[in-house]
Amino acid sequence: MQTPEICMAAVRRNGWTLKYVEEQTLEVCMAAVKQEPRAIKCIHDPEMKKMVEETLQKEQASTLSIS
């Protein structure tokens, strides 16, 4: 049985495990992609993938403006 805690722990260790996560939340997807950027390919839902991309862009923009 997959719990959110188990899924989060797995993707934090290895982002590629995202492909096995049944309930891909934004939090879990972001953790996976931060651990392994190419894991974005493992996001099942196109809308979720778009949300992750947008969130990453916002984070990069805020990091650049701080520097």
Protein backbone atom coordinates (compact mmCIF):
# COMPACT_ATOMS: atom_id res chain seq x y z
CA MET A 1 0.00 0.00 0.00
CA GLN A 2 1.34 3.42 -0.98
CA THR A 3 1.06 6.18 1.56
CA PRO A 4 2.00 9.82 0.88
CA GLU A 5 4.88 9.49 3.36
CA ILE A 6 6.31 6.39 1.68
CA CYS A 7 6.00 7.97 -1.76
CA MET A 8 7.69 11.17 -0.61
CA ALA A 9 10.55 9.25 0.97
CA ALA A 10 11.03 7.21 -2.20
CA VAL A 11 11.12 10.15 -4.61
CA ARG A 12 13.45 12.12 -2.35
CA ARG A 13 15.95 9.27 -2.56
CA ASN A 14 15.40 8.56 -6.25
CA GLY A 15 13.25 10.83 -8.42
CA TRP A 16 12.73 8.09 -10.99
CA THR A 17 10.53 6.19 -8.53
CA LEU A 18 7.84 8.76 -9.38
CA LYS A 19 6.76 6.52 -12.25
CA TYR A 20 5.51 3.98 -9.68
CA VAL A 21 3.58 6.51 -7.56
CA GLU A 22 -0.15 6.02 -8.07
CA GLU A 23 -1.34 9.32 -6.58
CA GLN A 24 1.03 11.93 -7.94
CA THR A 25 0.47 15.10 -5.94
CA LEU A 26 2.19 18.39 -6.69
CA GLU A 27 4.32 18.00 -3.57
CA VAL A 28 5.50 14.50 -4.53
CA CYS A 29 6.13 15.47 -8.16
CA MET A 30 8.12 18.55 -7.13
CA ALA A 31 10.26 16.50 -4.75
CA ALA A 32 10.97 13.95 -7.48
CA VAL A 33 11.88 16.56 -10.09
CA LYS A 34 14.11 18.44 -7.65
CA GLN A 35 15.96 15.20 -6.91
CA GLU A 36 16.12 14.20 -10.60
CA PRO A 37 15.02 16.84 -13.13
CA ARG A 38 14.48 14.27 -15.89
CA ALA A 39 11.85 12.56 -13.70
CA ILE A 40 9.40 15.12 -15.07
CA LYS A 41 8.91 12.55 -17.84
CA CYS A 42 7.34 10.23 -15.25
CA ILE A 43 4.43 12.53 -14.42
CA HIS A 44 1.28 10.82 -15.69
CA ASP A 45 -1.14 13.77 -15.83
CA PRO A 46 -0.34 16.48 -18.41
CA GLU A 47 -1.96 19.14 -16.20
CA MET A 48 0.22 18.12 -13.25
CA LYS A 49 3.28 18.23 -15.48
CA LYS A 50 2.36 21.78 -16.52
CA MET A 51 1.88 22.82 -12.88
CA VAL A 52 5.32 21.43 -11.97
CA GLU A 53 6.94 23.26 -14.89
CA GLU A 54 5.25 26.53 -13.91
CA THR A 55 6.23 26.13 -10.26
CA LEU A 56 9.85 25.44 -11.21
CA GLN A 57 9.91 28.51 -13.46
CA LYS A 58 8.57 30.69 -10.63
CA GLU A 59 11.15 29.30 -8.22
CA GLN A 60 13.97 29.96 -10.71
CA ALA A 61 12.73 33.49 -11.34
CA SER A 62 12.59 34.28 -7.62
CA THR A 63 16.06 32.78 -7.09
CA LEU A 64 17.47 34.92 -9.92
CA SER A 65 15.87 38.09 -8.59
CA ILE A 66 17.35 37.47 -5.13
CA SER A 67 20.89 37.05 -6.48
